[in-house]
Amino acid sequence: MAIKIYTKTGDQGKTSLIGGTKVPKSHIRIESYGTVDELNSYIGLVSDYITDTHSKAILKEIQDRLFTIGSSLACDPDKDTKMEIPDLKEPDIDLLEKEIDKMNEVLPPMKNFILPGGHLAVSTTHVARCVCRRAERICVDMQEQQMFIDPLVIKYLNRLSDYFFVLARYIGHLLNVPEVIWKPRM
């Protein structure tokens, strides 16, 4: 028999963290990992739009790290989860930095602000960047509220949004799509 996807346990607007603590679905911790999940979905869309196999492999790696981050954010830090939760590691951030540097080697230097657009793959990558920044802001808010959050999560999300900015430019470069330069109205 198939497992039912609905449990009806959240019908009253509450959900459980890993560890069993019940919180409102509007809780900042739920918002944090919900936003990371949204980001993961956009990354799937970006991956579907691009053909570069190396970038697709890196995006799959990033999706895996985002599941790690989501697991970390979903845990009640005050309870023993009795589960083994994967850890984010400094080499995960190093990978993003190396990928950014590699893509930047073939990109022209930026001389202007650029607008998202020019191709669905480029635009969707910018959407992923914006959702990543939102996830980062929520995590920083948690930190400011003295809620436990692994500092590597914030560092990773910060670097990841930089990665998406450069990836959007790189995708445009591979597709021979000119960047849309912002021309401020004077």
Protein backbone atom coordinates (compact mmCIF):
# COMPACT_ATOMS: atom_id res chain seq x y z
CA MET A 1 0.00 0.00 0.00
CA ALA A 2 1.25 3.48 -0.88
CA ILE A 3 2.02 5.93 1.91
CA LYS A 4 -0.47 8.78 2.07
CA ILE A 5 1.03 12.21 1.49
CA TYR A 6 -1.50 13.91 3.72
CA THR A 7 -1.53 13.36 7.47
CA LYS A 8 -4.06 16.05 8.52
CA THR A 9 -1.80 16.86 11.50
CA GLY A 10 -1.20 20.39 10.20
CA ASP A 11 -4.84 21.28 9.66
CA GLN A 12 -4.83 23.53 12.73
CA GLY A 13 -1.86 25.59 11.50
CA LYS A 14 0.85 23.83 13.53
CA THR A 15 3.70 21.58 12.47
CA SER A 16 6.50 19.71 14.20
CA LEU A 17 10.20 20.42 14.07
CA ILE A 18 12.63 17.53 13.98
CA GLY A 19 12.72 16.66 17.66
CA GLY A 20 8.94 16.86 18.07
CA THR A 21 8.39 20.47 19.15
CA LYS A 22 5.13 21.86 17.73
CA VAL A 23 5.28 25.37 16.31
CA PRO A 24 2.93 27.53 14.23
CA LYS A 25 3.46 27.17 10.49
CA SER A 26 4.22 30.91 10.52
CA HIS A 27 7.25 30.37 12.81
CA ILE A 28 10.47 31.90 11.47
CA ARG A 29 12.17 28.49 11.54
CA ILE A 30 9.45 27.09 9.24
CA GLU A 31 9.77 30.18 7.04
CA SER A 32 13.53 29.63 6.81
CA TYR A 33 13.46 26.06 5.59
CA GLY A 34 10.38 26.70 3.46
CA THR A 35 12.31 29.42 1.64
CA VAL A 36 15.29 27.08 1.21
CA ASP A 37 12.87 24.53 -0.28
CA GLU A 38 11.51 27.20 -2.65
CA LEU A 39 15.08 27.99 -3.68
CA ASN A 40 15.75 24.30 -4.31
CA SER A 41 12.73 24.17 -6.63
CA TYR A 42 13.96 27.17 -8.62
CA ILE A 43 17.35 25.51 -8.95
CA GLY A 44 15.60 22.52 -10.50
CA LEU A 45 13.99 24.90 -12.97
CA VAL A 46 17.33 26.56 -13.77
CA SER A 47 18.84 23.12 -14.33
CA ASP A 48 15.99 22.23 -16.70
CA TYR A 49 16.66 25.38 -18.76
CA ILE A 50 20.42 24.95 -19.20
CA THR A 51 22.41 22.45 -21.24
CA ASP A 52 25.91 22.91 -19.77
CA THR A 53 26.58 19.54 -18.10
CA HIS A 54 29.16 20.90 -15.64
CA SER A 55 26.78 23.59 -14.37
CA LYS A 56 23.99 21.01 -14.11
CA ALA A 57 26.25 18.79 -11.95
CA ILE A 58 27.14 21.71 -9.67
CA LEU A 59 23.46 22.63 -9.34
CA LYS A 60 22.66 19.04 -8.32
CA GLU A 61 25.40 19.30 -5.66
CA ILE A 62 23.91 22.60 -4.46
CA GLN A 63 20.45 21.02 -4.24
CA ASP A 64 21.91 18.32 -2.02
CA ARG A 65 23.52 20.95 0.23
CA LEU A 66 20.20 22.77 0.46
CA PHE A 67 18.56 19.60 1.76
CA THR A 68 21.33 19.52 4.37
CA ILE A 69 20.59 23.15 5.27
CA GLY A 70 16.85 22.47 5.38
CA SER A 71 17.43 19.56 7.75
CA SER A 72 19.52 21.76 10.01
CA LEU A 73 16.90 24.53 10.02
CA ALA A 74 14.08 22.05 10.69
CA CYS A 75 15.68 20.79 13.90
CA ASP A 76 14.69 21.97 17.33
CA PRO A 77 18.10 23.05 18.66
CA ASP A 78 16.98 22.41 22.24
CA LYS A 79 16.10 18.74 21.69
CA ASP A 80 17.98 15.61 20.78
CA THR A 81 16.70 14.66 17.34
CA LYS A 82 17.74 11.00 17.66
CA MET A 83 18.48 11.28 13.95
CA GLU A 84 21.75 11.69 12.15
CA ILE A 85 21.53 15.03 10.34
CA PRO A 86 24.13 15.76 7.62
CA ASP A 87 26.48 18.69 8.21
CA LEU A 88 27.44 21.59 6.01
CA LYS A 89 31.22 21.90 5.72
CA GLU A 90 33.66 24.66 4.77
CA PRO A 91 34.64 22.79 1.54
CA ASP A 92 31.02 23.28 0.39
CA ILE A 93 31.67 27.03 0.42
CA ASP A 94 35.08 26.55 -1.20
CA LEU A 95 33.39 24.74 -4.11
CA LEU A 96 31.12 27.73 -4.73
CA GLU A 97 34.08 30.13 -4.67
CA LYS A 98 36.07 27.98 -7.11
CA GLU A 99 33.09 27.79 -9.46
CA ILE A 100 32.58 31.57 -9.27
CA ASP A 101 36.26 32.15 -10.06
CA LYS A 102 36.18 29.67 -12.97
CA MET A 103 33.14 31.31 -14.56
CA ASN A 104 34.55 34.81 -14.02
CA GLU A 105 37.68 33.86 -16.00
CA VAL A 106 35.64 33.74 -19.23
CA LEU A 107 33.26 36.61 -18.49
CA PRO A 108 33.93 40.20 -19.46
CA PRO A 109 34.44 42.54 -16.51
CA MET A 110 31.27 44.24 -15.34
CA LYS A 111 31.19 47.93 -16.10
CA ASN A 112 27.47 48.52 -15.54
CA PHE A 113 24.62 47.25 -13.46
CA ILE A 114 22.72 44.62 -15.38
CA LEU A 115 19.03 43.83 -15.39
CA PRO A 116 17.76 40.27 -15.11
CA GLY A 117 16.55 39.08 -18.49
CA GLY A 118 17.46 38.16 -22.03
CA HIS A 119 16.67 34.44 -21.77
CA LEU A 120 14.49 32.23 -19.56
CA ALA A 121 17.55 30.48 -18.13
CA VAL A 122 19.19 33.79 -17.21
CA SER A 123 16.01 35.26 -15.70
CA THR A 124 15.24 32.11 -13.70
CA THR A 125 18.77 32.07 -12.32
CA HIS A 126 18.24 35.63 -11.12
CA VAL A 127 14.99 34.56 -9.45
CA ALA A 128 16.96 31.80 -7.67
CA ARG A 129 19.49 34.46 -6.58
CA CYS A 130 16.72 36.61 -5.11
CA VAL A 131 15.10 33.69 -3.27
CA CYS A 132 18.55 32.77 -1.95
CA ARG A 133 19.01 36.31 -0.61
CA ARG A 134 15.61 36.08 1.09
CA ALA A 135 16.59 32.77 2.71
CA GLU A 136 19.80 34.43 3.91
CA ARG A 137 17.87 37.41 5.38
CA ILE A 138 15.52 35.08 7.25
CA CYS A 139 18.47 33.13 8.67
CA VAL A 140 20.19 36.36 9.74
CA ASP A 141 16.93 37.40 11.41
CA MET A 142 16.92 34.10 13.32
CA GLN A 143 20.49 34.77 14.43
CA GLU A 144 19.58 38.29 15.55
CA GLN A 145 16.68 36.83 17.56
CA GLN A 146 19.22 34.63 19.36
CA MET A 147 17.87 31.46 17.73
CA PHE A 148 20.47 28.83 17.03
CA ILE A 149 21.62 28.67 13.44
CA ASP A 150 24.87 27.17 12.20
CA PRO A 151 26.99 30.17 11.05
CA LEU A 152 28.06 28.14 8.00
CA VAL A 153 24.44 28.19 6.80
CA ILE A 154 24.49 31.99 6.54
CA LYS A 155 27.94 31.97 4.96
CA TYR A 156 26.88 29.33 2.43
CA LEU A 157 23.71 31.18 1.45
CA ASN A 158 25.66 34.43 1.08
CA ARG A 159 28.18 32.79 -1.24
CA LEU A 160 25.44 30.90 -3.07
CA SER A 161 23.66 34.11 -4.05
CA ASP A 162 26.97 35.39 -5.46
CA TYR A 163 27.29 32.10 -7.36
CA PHE A 164 23.83 32.58 -8.90
CA PHE A 165 24.65 36.11 -10.00
CA VAL A 166 27.77 34.90 -11.80
CA LEU A 167 25.99 31.80 -13.12
CA ALA A 168 23.30 34.01 -14.68
CA ARG A 169 26.01 35.98 -16.48
CA TYR A 170 27.81 32.76 -17.46
CA ILE A 171 24.64 31.18 -18.86
CA GLY A 172 24.05 34.31 -20.93
CA HIS A 173 27.64 34.09 -22.15
CA LEU A 174 27.23 30.44 -23.18
CA LEU A 175 23.97 31.25 -24.97
CA ASN A 176 25.42 34.37 -26.65
CA VAL A 177 22.70 36.46 -25.01
CA PRO A 178 23.75 40.08 -24.52
CA GLU A 179 23.48 41.41 -20.97
CA VAL A 180 20.68 43.89 -20.40
CA ILE A 181 22.46 47.01 -19.18
CA TRP A 182 20.63 49.22 -16.71
CA LYS A 183 20.40 52.74 -18.09
CA PRO A 184 19.15 54.95 -15.26
CA ARG A 185 16.70 57.65 -16.21
CA MET A 186 18.20 61.06 -15.64
